[in-house]
Amino acid sequence: MQVTLDDEQYSFLRRRSAETGASIAELVRRSIDESARARITTAEERLAVVRATAGAWKGRKEDGAAYVERARRRA
């Protein structure tokens, strides 16, 4: 999996990493744990999220890697 960050987000994570000693990946995982998971607590809610996002890439002409490269060129 890849995540594309803007320059400000990346700079913030680099500073926090230096301050805390946690890797950037660990900071991202912690953030997900603190925000996204806190909102999705039941199996029914998780299933609803899966159903709502299933097929999000259907009909696209590019794969995930091509999308990331295009996003990086824009940033």
N, C-alpha and C. Protein backbone atom coordinates (compact mmCIF):
# COMPACT_ATOMS: atom_id res chain seq x y z
N MET A 1 0.84 -1.17 0.00
CA MET A 1 0.00 0.00 0.00
C MET A 1 0.88 1.24 0.00
N GLN A 2 0.43 2.25 -0.71
CA GLN A 2 1.14 3.52 -0.74
C GLN A 2 0.19 4.64 -0.35
N VAL A 3 0.71 5.62 0.32
CA VAL A 3 -0.06 6.80 0.69
C VAL A 3 0.71 8.01 0.18
N THR A 4 0.00 8.91 -0.48
CA THR A 4 0.63 10.12 -0.99
C THR A 4 0.31 11.27 -0.04
N LEU A 5 1.35 11.93 0.44
CA LEU A 5 1.21 13.05 1.36
C LEU A 5 1.65 14.33 0.65
N ASP A 6 1.05 15.45 1.06
CA ASP A 6 1.57 16.71 0.51
C ASP A 6 2.83 17.08 1.31
N ASP A 7 3.52 18.09 0.85
CA ASP A 7 4.79 18.48 1.47
C ASP A 7 4.63 18.85 2.95
N GLU A 8 3.56 19.56 3.26
CA GLU A 8 3.32 19.98 4.65
C GLU A 8 3.08 18.77 5.57
N GLN A 9 2.30 17.81 5.10
CA GLN A 9 2.04 16.61 5.90
C GLN A 9 3.33 15.83 6.14
N TYR A 10 4.12 15.68 5.08
CA TYR A 10 5.36 14.93 5.19
C TYR A 10 6.34 15.63 6.14
N SER A 11 6.43 16.95 6.03
CA SER A 11 7.32 17.70 6.92
C SER A 11 6.89 17.55 8.38
N PHE A 12 5.58 17.63 8.61
CA PHE A 12 5.07 17.45 9.97
C PHE A 12 5.44 16.07 10.51
N LEU A 13 5.25 15.04 9.70
CA LEU A 13 5.58 13.68 10.15
C LEU A 13 7.07 13.51 10.39
N ARG A 14 7.89 14.11 9.56
CA ARG A 14 9.34 14.03 9.78
C ARG A 14 9.74 14.67 11.10
N ARG A 15 9.15 15.84 11.39
CA ARG A 15 9.44 16.51 12.66
C ARG A 15 8.96 15.67 13.85
N ARG A 16 7.75 15.16 13.78
CA ARG A 16 7.20 14.34 14.87
C ARG A 16 8.02 13.08 15.05
N SER A 17 8.50 12.51 13.96
CA SER A 17 9.33 11.32 14.03
C SER A 17 10.63 11.63 14.77
N ALA A 18 11.23 12.76 14.43
CA ALA A 18 12.47 13.16 15.10
C ALA A 18 12.24 13.44 16.58
N GLU A 19 11.10 14.05 16.89
CA GLU A 19 10.79 14.38 18.29
C GLU A 19 10.48 13.15 19.14
N THR A 20 9.78 12.20 18.56
CA THR A 20 9.28 11.06 19.34
C THR A 20 10.13 9.80 19.21
N GLY A 21 10.91 9.72 18.13
CA GLY A 21 11.66 8.49 17.87
C GLY A 21 10.84 7.42 17.17
N ALA A 22 9.57 7.69 16.94
CA ALA A 22 8.71 6.75 16.21
C ALA A 22 8.91 6.95 14.71
N SER A 23 8.83 5.86 13.96
CA SER A 23 8.96 5.98 12.51
C SER A 23 7.74 6.69 11.94
N ILE A 24 7.88 7.19 10.73
CA ILE A 24 6.74 7.82 10.06
C ILE A 24 5.61 6.82 9.90
N ALA A 25 5.95 5.59 9.53
CA ALA A 25 4.92 4.56 9.38
C ALA A 25 4.17 4.34 10.69
N GLU A 26 4.90 4.32 11.80
CA GLU A 26 4.26 4.14 13.10
C GLU A 26 3.35 5.31 13.43
N LEU A 27 3.76 6.52 13.12
CA LEU A 27 2.92 7.68 13.36
C LEU A 27 1.64 7.62 12.54
N VAL A 28 1.74 7.17 11.30
CA VAL A 28 0.56 7.03 10.45
C VAL A 28 -0.37 5.97 11.03
N ARG A 29 0.19 4.82 11.45
CA ARG A 29 -0.65 3.77 12.05
C ARG A 29 -1.35 4.29 13.30
N ARG A 30 -0.63 5.01 14.14
CA ARG A 30 -1.24 5.56 15.36
C ARG A 30 -2.38 6.51 15.03
N SER A 31 -2.16 7.34 14.02
CA SER A 31 -3.18 8.28 13.62
C SER A 31 -4.44 7.57 13.15
N ILE A 32 -4.27 6.52 12.37
CA ILE A 32 -5.41 5.74 11.92
C ILE A 32 -6.13 5.12 13.11
N ASP A 33 -5.36 4.56 14.03
CA ASP A 33 -5.97 3.97 15.22
C ASP A 33 -6.78 4.99 16.01
N GLU A 34 -6.25 6.20 16.12
CA GLU A 34 -6.91 7.23 16.92
C GLU A 34 -8.10 7.86 16.24
N SER A 35 -8.14 7.87 14.92
CA SER A 35 -9.23 8.57 14.24
C SER A 35 -10.21 7.62 13.55
N ALA A 36 -9.76 6.95 12.53
CA ALA A 36 -10.66 6.14 11.73
C ALA A 36 -11.26 4.98 12.49
N ARG A 37 -10.44 4.24 13.20
CA ARG A 37 -10.95 3.10 13.93
C ARG A 37 -11.88 3.50 15.06
N ALA A 38 -11.65 4.66 15.64
CA ALA A 38 -12.50 5.11 16.74
C ALA A 38 -13.93 5.33 16.27
N ARG A 39 -14.11 5.65 15.03
CA ARG A 39 -15.44 5.91 14.49
C ARG A 39 -16.14 4.65 14.02
N ILE A 40 -15.40 3.61 13.70
CA ILE A 40 -15.97 2.36 13.18
C ILE A 40 -15.76 1.31 14.25
N THR A 41 -16.80 1.06 15.02
CA THR A 41 -16.61 0.21 16.19
C THR A 41 -17.28 -1.15 16.10
N THR A 42 -18.34 -1.27 15.34
CA THR A 42 -19.05 -2.54 15.30
C THR A 42 -18.80 -3.27 13.99
N ALA A 43 -19.05 -4.55 14.00
CA ALA A 43 -18.90 -5.34 12.78
C ALA A 43 -19.83 -4.83 11.69
N GLU A 44 -21.01 -4.40 12.07
CA GLU A 44 -21.97 -3.87 11.09
C GLU A 44 -21.45 -2.60 10.44
N GLU A 45 -20.82 -1.73 11.24
CA GLU A 45 -20.25 -0.50 10.69
C GLU A 45 -19.09 -0.81 9.76
N ARG A 46 -18.24 -1.75 10.13
CA ARG A 46 -17.13 -2.13 9.25
C ARG A 46 -17.64 -2.70 7.93
N LEU A 47 -18.67 -3.54 8.01
CA LEU A 47 -19.25 -4.12 6.80
C LEU A 47 -19.87 -3.03 5.92
N ALA A 48 -20.49 -2.05 6.53
CA ALA A 48 -21.07 -0.94 5.76
C ALA A 48 -19.99 -0.17 5.02
N VAL A 49 -18.84 0.03 5.66
CA VAL A 49 -17.73 0.73 5.00
C VAL A 49 -17.22 -0.08 3.82
N VAL A 50 -17.05 -1.38 4.02
CA VAL A 50 -16.59 -2.25 2.93
C VAL A 50 -17.56 -2.20 1.76
N ARG A 51 -18.84 -2.29 2.05
CA ARG A 51 -19.85 -2.26 0.98
C ARG A 51 -19.87 -0.91 0.27
N ALA A 52 -19.71 0.16 1.03
CA ALA A 52 -19.74 1.51 0.43
C ALA A 52 -18.55 1.78 -0.47
N THR A 53 -17.41 1.16 -0.19
CA THR A 53 -16.20 1.44 -0.97
C THR A 53 -15.87 0.35 -1.99
N ALA A 54 -16.57 -0.75 -1.95
CA ALA A 54 -16.30 -1.84 -2.90
C ALA A 54 -16.49 -1.35 -4.33
N GLY A 55 -15.55 -1.69 -5.18
CA GLY A 55 -15.64 -1.31 -6.58
C GLY A 55 -15.25 0.12 -6.87
N ALA A 56 -14.59 0.79 -5.94
CA ALA A 56 -14.24 2.20 -6.12
C ALA A 56 -13.36 2.42 -7.35
N TRP A 57 -12.58 1.42 -7.73
CA TRP A 57 -11.69 1.55 -8.89
C TRP A 57 -12.29 0.98 -10.16
N LYS A 58 -13.50 0.49 -10.09
CA LYS A 58 -14.15 -0.12 -11.25
C LYS A 58 -14.20 0.88 -12.41
N GLY A 59 -13.80 0.43 -13.56
CA GLY A 59 -13.86 1.26 -14.75
C GLY A 59 -12.69 2.21 -14.94
N ARG A 60 -11.76 2.21 -14.01
CA ARG A 60 -10.60 3.10 -14.17
C ARG A 60 -9.64 2.51 -15.19
N LYS A 61 -8.96 3.39 -15.87
CA LYS A 61 -8.02 2.96 -16.90
C LYS A 61 -6.60 2.79 -16.37
N GLU A 62 -6.33 3.28 -15.16
CA GLU A 62 -4.99 3.17 -14.60
C GLU A 62 -5.03 2.33 -13.33
N ASP A 63 -3.90 1.72 -13.02
CA ASP A 63 -3.83 0.94 -11.78
C ASP A 63 -3.35 1.85 -10.64
N GLY A 64 -3.25 1.30 -9.45
CA GLY A 64 -2.87 2.08 -8.28
C GLY A 64 -1.50 2.72 -8.42
N ALA A 65 -0.54 1.99 -8.99
CA ALA A 65 0.82 2.52 -9.14
C ALA A 65 0.82 3.73 -10.08
N ALA A 66 0.08 3.64 -11.17
CA ALA A 66 0.01 4.75 -12.12
C ALA A 66 -0.65 5.96 -11.47
N TYR A 67 -1.68 5.73 -10.67
CA TYR A 67 -2.35 6.81 -9.96
C TYR A 67 -1.38 7.53 -9.02
N VAL A 68 -0.60 6.76 -8.26
CA VAL A 68 0.35 7.35 -7.32
C VAL A 68 1.38 8.18 -8.06
N GLU A 69 1.90 7.67 -9.16
CA GLU A 69 2.90 8.43 -9.93
C GLU A 69 2.30 9.73 -10.46
N ARG A 70 1.05 9.68 -10.94
CA ARG A 70 0.40 10.89 -11.43
C ARG A 70 0.20 11.88 -10.29
N ALA A 71 -0.19 11.41 -9.13
CA ALA A 71 -0.39 12.28 -7.96
C ALA A 71 0.92 12.92 -7.54
N ARG A 72 2.00 12.15 -7.58
CA ARG A 72 3.31 12.71 -7.21
C ARG A 72 3.77 13.78 -8.15
N ARG A 73 3.47 13.62 -9.44
CA ARG A 73 3.87 14.64 -10.42
C ARG A 73 3.12 15.95 -10.19
N ARG A 74 1.88 15.88 -9.72
CA ARG A 74 1.08 17.08 -9.46
C ARG A 74 1.56 17.82 -8.22
N ALA A 75 2.11 17.08 -7.26
CA ALA A 75 2.49 17.69 -5.98
C ALA A 75 3.73 18.52 -6.06
